[in-house]
Amino acid sequence: HRCRLAGSVQGWVGRTLTAQHAETSMRVIQLGLGAIGHLLARSAVHVEDESIPSECMESLGTLMAELSDFAAVCYQLSSEARGPASRETLLQEPQK
């Protein structure tokens, strides 16, 4: 019985750590995407006068799309690791 209990505790700890890392990654990605979006809005004038190549903006857009997809995967990973009850509270900002 002890080995079975130890295995379930290790599984629970592993799922909890996975969920925590996934949630942290998701929040960091979301904050970073917001910051990039802010910088993009500020740099529109420089794209118009071609001091920033439009290809750079296209590459940033692609990066942002890929990061958004990864954040969605992190959300799914975290909610699967924590179980269905966590889905309502997962996207809320953590209390400090």
PDB file of N, CA and C in Angstrom:
ATOM      1  N   HIS A   1       0.817  -1.208   0.000  1.00  0.00           N
ATOM      2  CA  HIS A   1       0.000   0.000   0.000  1.00  0.00           C
ATOM      3  C   HIS A   1       0.851   1.257   0.000  1.00  0.00           C
ATOM      4  N   ARG A   2       1.978   1.176   0.674  1.00  0.00           N
ATOM      5  CA  ARG A   2       2.834   2.352   0.776  1.00  0.00           C
ATOM      6  C   ARG A   2       3.389   2.768  -0.582  1.00  0.00           C
ATOM      7  N   CYS A   3       3.815   1.805  -1.396  1.00  0.00           N
ATOM      8  CA  CYS A   3       4.346   2.124  -2.732  1.00  0.00           C
ATOM      9  C   CYS A   3       3.269   2.743  -3.609  1.00  0.00           C
ATOM     10  N   ARG A   4       2.071   2.230  -3.505  1.00  0.00           N
ATOM     11  CA  ARG A   4       0.986   2.768  -4.299  1.00  0.00           C
ATOM     12  C   ARG A   4       0.698   4.214  -3.892  1.00  0.00           C
ATOM     13  N   LEU A   5       0.701   4.495  -2.601  1.00  0.00           N
ATOM     14  CA  LEU A   5       0.464   5.844  -2.103  1.00  0.00           C
ATOM     15  C   LEU A   5       1.598   6.781  -2.526  1.00  0.00           C
ATOM     16  N   ALA A   6       2.830   6.317  -2.415  1.00  0.00           N
ATOM     17  CA  ALA A   6       3.966   7.143  -2.819  1.00  0.00           C
ATOM     18  C   ALA A   6       3.891   7.475  -4.299  1.00  0.00           C
ATOM     19  N   GLY A   7       3.498   6.508  -5.108  1.00  0.00           N
ATOM     20  CA  GLY A   7       3.370   6.753  -6.543  1.00  0.00           C
ATOM     21  C   GLY A   7       2.288   7.765  -6.853  1.00  0.00           C
ATOM     22  N   SER A   8       1.164   7.697  -6.140  1.00  0.00           N
ATOM     23  CA  SER A   8       0.088   8.654  -6.403  1.00  0.00           C
ATOM     24  C   SER A   8       0.476  10.048  -5.931  1.00  0.00           C
ATOM     25  N   VAL A   9       1.236  10.143  -4.839  1.00  0.00           N
ATOM     26  CA  VAL A   9       1.706  11.455  -4.367  1.00  0.00           C
ATOM     27  C   VAL A   9       2.692  12.033  -5.370  1.00  0.00           C
ATOM     28  N   GLN A  10       3.612  11.208  -5.867  1.00  0.00           N
ATOM     29  CA  GLN A  10       4.564  11.673  -6.869  1.00  0.00           C
ATOM     30  C   GLN A  10       3.842  12.110  -8.131  1.00  0.00           C
ATOM     31  N   GLY A  11       2.819  11.369  -8.528  1.00  0.00           N
ATOM     32  CA  GLY A  11       2.041  11.753  -9.697  1.00  0.00           C
ATOM     33  C   GLY A  11       1.337  13.072  -9.485  1.00  0.00           C
ATOM     34  N   TRP A  12       0.778  13.258  -8.285  1.00  0.00           N
ATOM     35  CA  TRP A  12       0.090  14.511  -7.964  1.00  0.00           C
ATOM     36  C   TRP A  12       1.066  15.681  -7.961  1.00  0.00           C
ATOM     37  N   VAL A  13       2.236  15.476  -7.350  1.00  0.00           N
ATOM     38  CA  VAL A  13       3.254  16.538  -7.311  1.00  0.00           C
ATOM     39  C   VAL A  13       3.714  16.869  -8.720  1.00  0.00           C
ATOM     40  N   GLY A  14       3.946  15.858  -9.536  1.00  0.00           N
ATOM     41  CA  GLY A  14       4.369  16.089 -10.915  1.00  0.00           C
ATOM     42  C   GLY A  14       3.326  16.859 -11.708  1.00  0.00           C
ATOM     43  N   ARG A  15       2.041  16.488 -11.532  1.00  0.00           N
ATOM     44  CA  ARG A  15       0.968  17.205 -12.235  1.00  0.00           C
ATOM     45  C   ARG A  15       0.861  18.637 -11.742  1.00  0.00           C
ATOM     46  N   THR A  16       1.023  18.830 -10.442  1.00  0.00           N
ATOM     47  CA  THR A  16       0.945  20.178  -9.882  1.00  0.00           C
ATOM     48  C   THR A  16       2.078  21.051 -10.398  1.00  0.00           C
ATOM     49  N   LEU A  17       3.293  20.507 -10.426  1.00  0.00           N
ATOM     50  CA  LEU A  17       4.432  21.273 -10.942  1.00  0.00           C
ATOM     51  C   LEU A  17       4.263  21.569 -12.423  1.00  0.00           C
ATOM     52  N   THR A  18       3.779  20.596 -13.179  1.00  0.00           N
ATOM     53  CA  THR A  18       3.528  20.820 -14.600  1.00  0.00           C
ATOM     54  C   THR A  18       2.512  21.941 -14.784  1.00  0.00           C
ATOM     55  N   ALA A  19       1.437  21.893 -14.011  1.00  0.00           N
ATOM     56  CA  ALA A  19       0.406  22.925 -14.108  1.00  0.00           C
ATOM     57  C   ALA A  19       0.968  24.288 -13.743  1.00  0.00           C
ATOM     58  N   GLN A  20       1.770  24.358 -12.683  1.00  0.00           N
ATOM     59  CA  GLN A  20       2.346  25.641 -12.266  1.00  0.00           C
ATOM     60  C   GLN A  20       3.275  26.207 -13.331  1.00  0.00           C
ATOM     61  N   HIS A  21       4.116  25.366 -13.906  1.00  0.00           N
ATOM     62  CA  HIS A  21       5.030  25.838 -14.953  1.00  0.00           C
ATOM     63  C   HIS A  21       4.259  26.282 -16.194  1.00  0.00           C
ATOM     64  N   ALA A  22       3.235  25.536 -16.544  1.00  0.00           N
ATOM     65  CA  ALA A  22       2.424  25.900 -17.707  1.00  0.00           C
ATOM     66  C   ALA A  22       1.713  27.230 -17.476  1.00  0.00           C
ATOM     67  N   GLU A  23       1.179  27.437 -16.265  1.00  0.00           N
ATOM     68  CA  GLU A  23       0.494  28.693 -15.952  1.00  0.00           C
ATOM     69  C   GLU A  23       1.464  29.868 -15.967  1.00  0.00           C
ATOM     70  N   THR A  24       2.653  29.663 -15.415  1.00  0.00           N
ATOM     71  CA  THR A  24       3.665  30.717 -15.421  1.00  0.00           C
ATOM     72  C   THR A  24       4.058  31.063 -16.852  1.00  0.00           C
ATOM     73  N   SER A  25       4.293  30.044 -17.670  1.00  0.00           N
ATOM     74  CA  SER A  25       4.645  30.281 -19.073  1.00  0.00           C
ATOM     75  C   SER A  25       3.541  31.031 -19.793  1.00  0.00           C
ATOM     76  N   MET A  26       2.309  30.638 -19.554  1.00  0.00           N
ATOM     77  CA  MET A  26       1.178  31.295 -20.206  1.00  0.00           C
ATOM     78  C   MET A  26       1.110  32.768 -19.817  1.00  0.00           C
ATOM     79  N   ARG A  27       1.271  33.071 -18.539  1.00  0.00           N
ATOM     80  CA  ARG A  27       1.202  34.469 -18.091  1.00  0.00           C
ATOM     81  C   ARG A  27       2.358  35.301 -18.642  1.00  0.00           C
ATOM     82  N   VAL A  28       3.551  34.731 -18.663  1.00  0.00           N
ATOM     83  CA  VAL A  28       4.712  35.456 -19.202  1.00  0.00           C
ATOM     84  C   VAL A  28       4.514  35.734 -20.693  1.00  0.00           C
ATOM     85  N   ILE A  29       4.018  34.750 -21.422  1.00  0.00           N
ATOM     86  CA  ILE A  29       3.755  34.938 -22.851  1.00  0.00           C
ATOM     87  C   ILE A  29       2.721  36.031 -23.055  1.00  0.00           C
ATOM     88  N   GLN A  30       1.642  36.009 -22.281  1.00  0.00           N
ATOM     89  CA  GLN A  30       0.596  37.017 -22.438  1.00  0.00           C
ATOM     90  C   GLN A  30       1.114  38.418 -22.131  1.00  0.00           C
ATOM     91  N   LEU A  31       1.903  38.557 -21.072  1.00  0.00           N
ATOM     92  CA  LEU A  31       2.471  39.873 -20.754  1.00  0.00           C
ATOM     93  C   LEU A  31       3.439  40.325 -21.841  1.00  0.00           C
ATOM     94  N   GLY A  32       4.254  39.408 -22.332  1.00  0.00           N
ATOM     95  CA  GLY A  32       5.193  39.739 -23.397  1.00  0.00           C
ATOM     96  C   GLY A  32       4.497  40.133 -24.689  1.00  0.00           C
ATOM     97  N   LEU A  33       3.436  39.430 -25.023  1.00  0.00           N
ATOM     98  CA  LEU A  33       2.678  39.780 -26.228  1.00  0.00           C
ATOM     99  C   LEU A  33       2.047  41.156 -26.094  1.00  0.00           C
ATOM    100  N   GLY A  34       1.569  41.474 -24.908  1.00  0.00           N
ATOM    101  CA  GLY A  34       1.013  42.814 -24.685  1.00  0.00           C
ATOM    102  C   GLY A  34       2.068  43.885 -24.862  1.00  0.00           C
ATOM    103  N   ALA A  35       3.268  43.627 -24.342  1.00  0.00           N
ATOM    104  CA  ALA A  35       4.361  44.592 -24.478  1.00  0.00           C
ATOM    105  C   ALA A  35       4.779  44.751 -25.941  1.00  0.00           C
ATOM    106  N   ILE A  36       4.858  43.640 -26.654  1.00  0.00           N
ATOM    107  CA  ILE A  36       5.210  43.717 -28.076  1.00  0.00           C
ATOM    108  C   ILE A  36       4.141  44.502 -28.835  1.00  0.00           C
ATOM    109  N   GLY A  37       2.878  44.256 -28.526  1.00  0.00           N
ATOM    110  CA  GLY A  37       1.792  44.987 -29.172  1.00  0.00           C
ATOM    111  C   GLY A  37       1.894  46.480 -28.927  1.00  0.00           C
ATOM    112  N   HIS A  38       2.252  46.850 -27.713  1.00  0.00           N
ATOM    113  CA  HIS A  38       2.425  48.271 -27.380  1.00  0.00           C
ATOM    114  C   HIS A  38       3.568  48.875 -28.195  1.00  0.00           C
ATOM    115  N   LEU A  39       4.670  48.160 -28.282  1.00  0.00           N
ATOM    116  CA  LEU A  39       5.811  48.645 -29.071  1.00  0.00           C
ATOM    117  C   LEU A  39       5.466  48.732 -30.562  1.00  0.00           C
ATOM    118  N   LEU A  40       4.702  47.777 -31.048  1.00  0.00           N
ATOM    119  CA  LEU A  40       4.301  47.818 -32.455  1.00  0.00           C
ATOM    120  C   LEU A  40       3.450  49.049 -32.752  1.00  0.00           C
ATOM    121  N   ALA A  41       2.546  49.350 -31.849  1.00  0.00           N
ATOM    122  CA  ALA A  41       1.708  50.533 -32.056  1.00  0.00           C
ATOM    123  C   ALA A  41       2.551  51.804 -32.078  1.00  0.00           C
ATOM    124  N   ARG A  42       3.548  51.857 -31.220  1.00  0.00           N
ATOM    125  CA  ARG A  42       4.423  53.030 -31.176  1.00  0.00           C
ATOM    126  C   ARG A  42       5.348  53.129 -32.377  1.00  0.00           C
ATOM    127  N   SER A  43       5.629  52.015 -33.015  1.00  0.00           N
ATOM    128  CA  SER A  43       6.594  52.030 -34.127  1.00  0.00           C
ATOM    129  C   SER A  43       5.928  52.166 -35.491  1.00  0.00           C
ATOM    130  N   ALA A  44       4.632  52.346 -35.537  1.00  0.00           N
ATOM    131  CA  ALA A  44       3.924  52.429 -36.825  1.00  0.00           C
ATOM    132  C   ALA A  44       4.469  53.546 -37.702  1.00  0.00           C
ATOM    133  N   VAL A  45       4.822  54.668 -37.107  1.00  0.00           N
ATOM    134  CA  VAL A  45       5.361  55.800 -37.873  1.00  0.00           C
ATOM    135  C   VAL A  45       6.671  55.408 -38.553  1.00  0.00           C
ATOM    136  N   HIS A  46       7.480  54.630 -37.849  1.00  0.00           N
ATOM    137  CA  HIS A  46       8.779  54.226 -38.405  1.00  0.00           C
ATOM    138  C   HIS A  46       8.622  53.192 -39.517  1.00  0.00           C
ATOM    139  N   VAL A  47       7.551  52.445 -39.477  1.00  0.00           N
ATOM    140  CA  VAL A  47       7.285  51.503 -40.572  1.00  0.00           C
ATOM    141  C   VAL A  47       6.829  52.282 -41.798  1.00  0.00           C
ATOM    142  N   GLU A  48       6.014  53.304 -41.569  1.00  0.00           N
ATOM    143  CA  GLU A  48       5.544  54.126 -42.692  1.00  0.00           C
ATOM    144  C   GLU A  48       6.684  54.821 -43.412  1.00  0.00           C
ATOM    145  N   ASP A  49       7.662  55.347 -42.650  1.00  0.00           N
ATOM    146  CA  ASP A  49       8.783  56.024 -43.317  1.00  0.00           C
ATOM    147  C   ASP A  49       9.891  55.046 -43.712  1.00  0.00           C
ATOM    148  N   GLU A  50       9.628  53.754 -43.543  1.00  0.00           N
ATOM    149  CA  GLU A  50      10.501  52.654 -43.961  1.00  0.00           C
ATOM    150  C   GLU A  50      11.831  52.593 -43.223  1.00  0.00           C
ATOM    151  N   SER A  51      11.925  53.257 -42.072  1.00  0.00           N
ATOM    152  CA  SER A  51      13.147  53.079 -41.264  1.00  0.00           C
ATOM    153  C   SER A  51      13.124  51.728 -40.550  1.00  0.00           C
ATOM    154  N   ILE A  52      11.953  51.139 -40.418  1.00  0.00           N
ATOM    155  CA  ILE A  52      11.813  49.746 -39.970  1.00  0.00           C
ATOM    156  C   ILE A  52      11.190  48.982 -41.129  1.00  0.00           C
ATOM    157  N   PRO A  53      11.884  47.963 -41.642  1.00  0.00           N
ATOM    158  CA  PRO A  53      11.355  47.214 -42.784  1.00  0.00           C
ATOM    159  C   PRO A  53      10.040  46.507 -42.437  1.00  0.00           C
ATOM    160  N   SER A  54       9.136  46.483 -43.392  1.00  0.00           N
ATOM    161  CA  SER A  54       7.843  45.830 -43.168  1.00  0.00           C
ATOM    162  C   SER A  54       8.003  44.329 -42.922  1.00  0.00           C
ATOM    163  N   GLU A  55       9.088  43.752 -43.422  1.00  0.00           N
ATOM    164  CA  GLU A  55       9.350  42.335 -43.180  1.00  0.00           C
ATOM    165  C   GLU A  55       9.556  42.060 -41.697  1.00  0.00           C
ATOM    166  N   CYS A  56      10.158  43.017 -41.000  1.00  0.00           N
ATOM    167  CA  CYS A  56      10.342  42.868 -39.545  1.00  0.00           C
ATOM    168  C   CYS A  56       8.989  42.809 -38.843  1.00  0.00           C
ATOM    169  N   MET A  57       8.073  43.645 -39.276  1.00  0.00           N
ATOM    170  CA  MET A  57       6.742  43.644 -38.678  1.00  0.00           C
ATOM    171  C   MET A  57       6.016  42.332 -38.982  1.00  0.00           C
ATOM    172  N   GLU A  58       6.197  41.838 -40.187  1.00  0.00           N
ATOM    173  CA  GLU A  58       5.583  40.563 -40.546  1.00  0.00           C
ATOM    174  C   GLU A  58       6.154  39.438 -39.693  1.00  0.00           C
ATOM    175  N   SER A  59       7.467  39.445 -39.484  1.00  0.00           N
ATOM    176  CA  SER A  59       8.096  38.417 -38.655  1.00  0.00           C
ATOM    177  C   SER A  59       7.614  38.496 -37.208  1.00  0.00           C
ATOM    178  N   LEU A  60       7.457  39.707 -36.706  1.00  0.00           N
ATOM    179  CA  LEU A  60       6.931  39.859 -35.350  1.00  0.00           C
ATOM    180  C   LEU A  60       5.492  39.364 -35.251  1.00  0.00           C
ATOM    181  N   GLY A  61       4.708  39.609 -36.266  1.00  0.00           N
ATOM    182  CA  GLY A  61       3.334  39.105 -36.291  1.00  0.00           C
ATOM    183  C   GLY A  61       3.287  37.586 -36.265  1.00  0.00           C
ATOM    184  N   THR A  62       4.174  36.966 -37.026  1.00  0.00           N
ATOM    185  CA  THR A  62       4.251  35.506 -37.033  1.00  0.00           C
ATOM    186  C   THR A  62       4.680  34.983 -35.667  1.00  0.00           C
ATOM    187  N   LEU A  63       5.677  35.631 -35.075  1.00  0.00           N
ATOM    188  CA  LEU A  63       6.126  35.246 -33.739  1.00  0.00           C
ATOM    189  C   LEU A  63       4.991  35.368 -32.719  1.00  0.00           C
ATOM    190  N   MET A  64       4.253  36.446 -32.801  1.00  0.00           N
ATOM    191  CA  MET A  64       3.145  36.657 -31.864  1.00  0.00           C
ATOM    192  C   MET A  64       2.065  35.583 -32.038  1.00  0.00           C
ATOM    193  N   ALA A  65       1.791  35.208 -33.263  1.00  0.00           N
ATOM    194  CA  ALA A  65       0.798  34.155 -33.509  1.00  0.00           C
ATOM    195  C   ALA A  65       1.268  32.823 -32.934  1.00  0.00           C
ATOM    196  N   GLU A  66       2.539  32.509 -33.130  1.00  0.00           N
ATOM    197  CA  GLU A  66       3.073  31.245 -32.607  1.00  0.00           C
ATOM    198  C   GLU A  66       3.090  31.250 -31.081  1.00  0.00           C
ATOM    199  N   LEU A  67       3.465  32.366 -30.486  1.00  0.00           N
ATOM    200  CA  LEU A  67       3.456  32.458 -29.021  1.00  0.00           C
ATOM    201  C   LEU A  67       2.035  32.342 -28.469  1.00  0.00           C
ATOM    202  N   SER A  68       1.088  32.916 -29.172  1.00  0.00           N
ATOM    203  CA  SER A  68      -0.316  32.797 -28.750  1.00  0.00           C
ATOM    204  C   SER A  68      -0.766  31.345 -28.790  1.00  0.00           C
ATOM    205  N   ASP A  69      -0.385  30.635 -29.837  1.00  0.00           N
ATOM    206  CA  ASP A  69      -0.720  29.211 -29.926  1.00  0.00           C
ATOM    207  C   ASP A  69      -0.083  28.428 -28.782  1.00  0.00           C
ATOM    208  N   PHE A  70       1.159  28.775 -28.457  1.00  0.00           N
ATOM    209  CA  PHE A  70       1.852  28.089 -27.366  1.00  0.00           C
ATOM    210  C   PHE A  70       1.178  28.391 -26.025  1.00  0.00           C
ATOM    211  N   ALA A  71       0.738  29.620 -25.827  1.00  0.00           N
ATOM    212  CA  ALA A  71       0.026  29.966 -24.592  1.00  0.00           C
ATOM    213  C   ALA A  71      -1.256  29.151 -24.474  1.00  0.00           C
ATOM    214  N   ALA A  72      -1.934  28.919 -25.585  1.00  0.00           N
ATOM    215  CA  ALA A  72      -3.146  28.099 -25.567  1.00  0.00           C
ATOM    216  C   ALA A  72      -2.825  26.655 -25.177  1.00  0.00           C
ATOM    217  N   VAL A  73      -1.693  26.146 -25.664  1.00  0.00           N
ATOM    218  CA  VAL A  73      -1.260  24.803 -25.292  1.00  0.00           C
ATOM    219  C   VAL A  73      -0.936  24.756 -23.795  1.00  0.00           C
ATOM    220  N   CYS A  74      -0.307  25.799 -23.279  1.00  0.00           N
ATOM    221  CA  CYS A  74      -0.007  25.867 -21.849  1.00  0.00           C
ATOM    222  C   CYS A  74      -1.292  25.851 -21.028  1.00  0.00           C
ATOM    223  N   TYR A  75      -2.300  26.579 -21.492  1.00  0.00           N
ATOM    224  CA  TYR A  75      -3.594  26.583 -20.804  1.00  0.00           C
ATOM    225  C   TYR A  75      -4.186  25.182 -20.776  1.00  0.00           C
ATOM    226  N   GLN A  76      -4.163  24.512 -21.914  1.00  0.00           N
ATOM    227  CA  GLN A  76      -4.716  23.165 -22.001  1.00  0.00           C
ATOM    228  C   GLN A  76      -3.934  22.209 -21.107  1.00  0.00           C
ATOM    229  N   LEU A  77      -2.621  22.291 -21.132  1.00  0.00           N
ATOM    230  CA  LEU A  77      -1.776  21.429 -20.317  1.00  0.00           C
ATOM    231  C   LEU A  77      -2.066  21.647 -18.830  1.00  0.00           C
ATOM    232  N   SER A  78      -2.171  22.902 -18.437  1.00  0.00           N
ATOM    233  CA  SER A  78      -2.423  23.208 -17.037  1.00  0.00           C
ATOM    234  C   SER A  78      -3.798  22.729 -16.601  1.00  0.00           C
ATOM    235  N   SER A  79      -4.800  22.974 -17.418  1.00  0.00           N
ATOM    236  CA  SER A  79      -6.154  22.575 -17.016  1.00  0.00           C
ATOM    237  C   SER A  79      -6.292  21.054 -16.986  1.00  0.00           C
ATOM    238  N   GLU A  80      -5.606  20.349 -17.867  1.00  0.00           N
ATOM    239  CA  GLU A  80      -5.639  18.887 -17.828  1.00  0.00           C
ATOM    240  C   GLU A  80      -4.922  18.358 -16.590  1.00  0.00           C
ATOM    241  N   ALA A  81      -3.809  19.005 -16.217  1.00  0.00           N
ATOM    242  CA  ALA A  81      -3.055  18.548 -15.055  1.00  0.00           C
ATOM    243  C   ALA A  81      -3.810  18.821 -13.749  1.00  0.00           C
ATOM    244  N   ARG A  82      -4.520  19.929 -13.684  1.00  0.00           N
ATOM    245  CA  ARG A  82      -5.238  20.290 -12.460  1.00  0.00           C
ATOM    246  C   ARG A  82      -6.639  19.700 -12.390  1.00  0.00           C
ATOM    247  N   GLY A  83      -7.210  19.408 -13.537  1.00  0.00           N
ATOM    248  CA  GLY A  83      -8.558  18.857 -13.549  1.00  0.00           C
ATOM    249  C   GLY A  83      -9.582  19.905 -13.945  1.00  0.00           C
ATOM    250  N   PRO A  84     -10.818  19.470 -14.176  1.00  0.00           N
ATOM    251  CA  PRO A  84     -11.853  20.375 -14.704  1.00  0.00           C
ATOM    252  C   PRO A  84     -12.228  21.518 -13.778  1.00  0.00           C
ATOM    253  N   ALA A  85     -12.073  21.360 -12.463  1.00  0.00           N
ATOM    254  CA  ALA A  85     -12.492  22.411 -11.530  1.00  0.00           C
ATOM    255  C   ALA A  85     -11.633  23.659 -11.645  1.00  0.00           C
ATOM    256  N   SER A  86     -10.445  23.555 -12.224  1.00  0.00           N
ATOM    257  CA  SER A  86      -9.530  24.696 -12.290  1.00  0.00           C
ATOM    258  C   SER A  86      -9.789  25.613 -13.477  1.00  0.00           C
ATOM    259  N   ARG A  87     -10.567  25.197 -14.433  1.00  0.00           N
ATOM    260  CA  ARG A  87     -10.712  25.961 -15.679  1.00  0.00           C
ATOM    261  C   ARG A  87     -11.297  27.348 -15.460  1.00  0.00           C
ATOM    262  N   GLU A  88     -12.166  27.513 -14.472  1.00  0.00           N
ATOM    263  CA  GLU A  88     -12.791  28.814 -14.247  1.00  0.00           C
ATOM    264  C   GLU A  88     -11.811  29.821 -13.651  1.00  0.00           C
ATOM    265  N   THR A  89     -10.864  29.343 -12.843  1.00  0.00           N
ATOM    266  CA  THR A  89      -9.970  30.258 -12.128  1.00  0.00           C
ATOM    267  C   THR A  89      -8.593  30.368 -12.751  1.00  0.00           C
ATOM    268  N   LEU A  90      -8.297  29.584 -13.754  1.00  0.00           N
ATOM    269  CA  LEU A  90      -6.939  29.521 -14.299  1.00  0.00           C
ATOM    270  C   LEU A  90      -6.471  30.841 -14.882  1.00  0.00           C
ATOM    271  N   LEU A  91      -7.332  31.555 -15.564  1.00  0.00           N
ATOM    272  CA  LEU A  91      -6.910  32.770 -16.246  1.00  0.00           C
ATOM    273  C   LEU A  91      -6.949  34.006 -15.339  1.00  0.00           C
ATOM    274  N   GLN A  92      -7.376  33.849 -14.115  1.00  0.00           N
ATOM    275  CA  GLN A  92      -7.388  34.976 -13.197  1.00  0.00           C
ATOM    276  C   GLN A  92      -5.976  35.287 -12.736  1.00  0.00           C
ATOM    277  N   GLU A  93      -5.722  36.552 -12.469  1.00  0.00           N
ATOM    278  CA  GLU A  93      -4.409  36.973 -11.990  1.00  0.00           C
ATOM    279  C   GLU A  93      -4.195  36.426 -10.580  1.00  0.00           C
ATOM    280  N   PRO A  94      -3.014  35.888 -10.279  1.00  0.00           N
ATOM    281  CA  PRO A  94      -2.771  35.347  -8.936  1.00  0.00           C
ATOM    282  C   PRO A  94      -2.814  36.441  -7.881  1.00  0.00           C
ATOM    283  N   GLN A  95      -3.298  36.083  -6.703  1.00  0.00           N
ATOM    284  CA  GLN A  95      -3.366  37.027  -5.587  1.00  0.00           C
ATOM    285  C   GLN A  95      -1.978  37.226  -5.011  1.00  0.00           C
ATOM    286  N   LYS A  96      -1.649  38.481  -4.688  1.00  0.00           N
ATOM    287  CA  LYS A  96      -0.318  38.778  -4.116  1.00  0.00           C
ATOM    288  C   LYS A  96      -0.428  39.132  -2.668  1.00  0.00           C
TER     289      LYS A  96
END
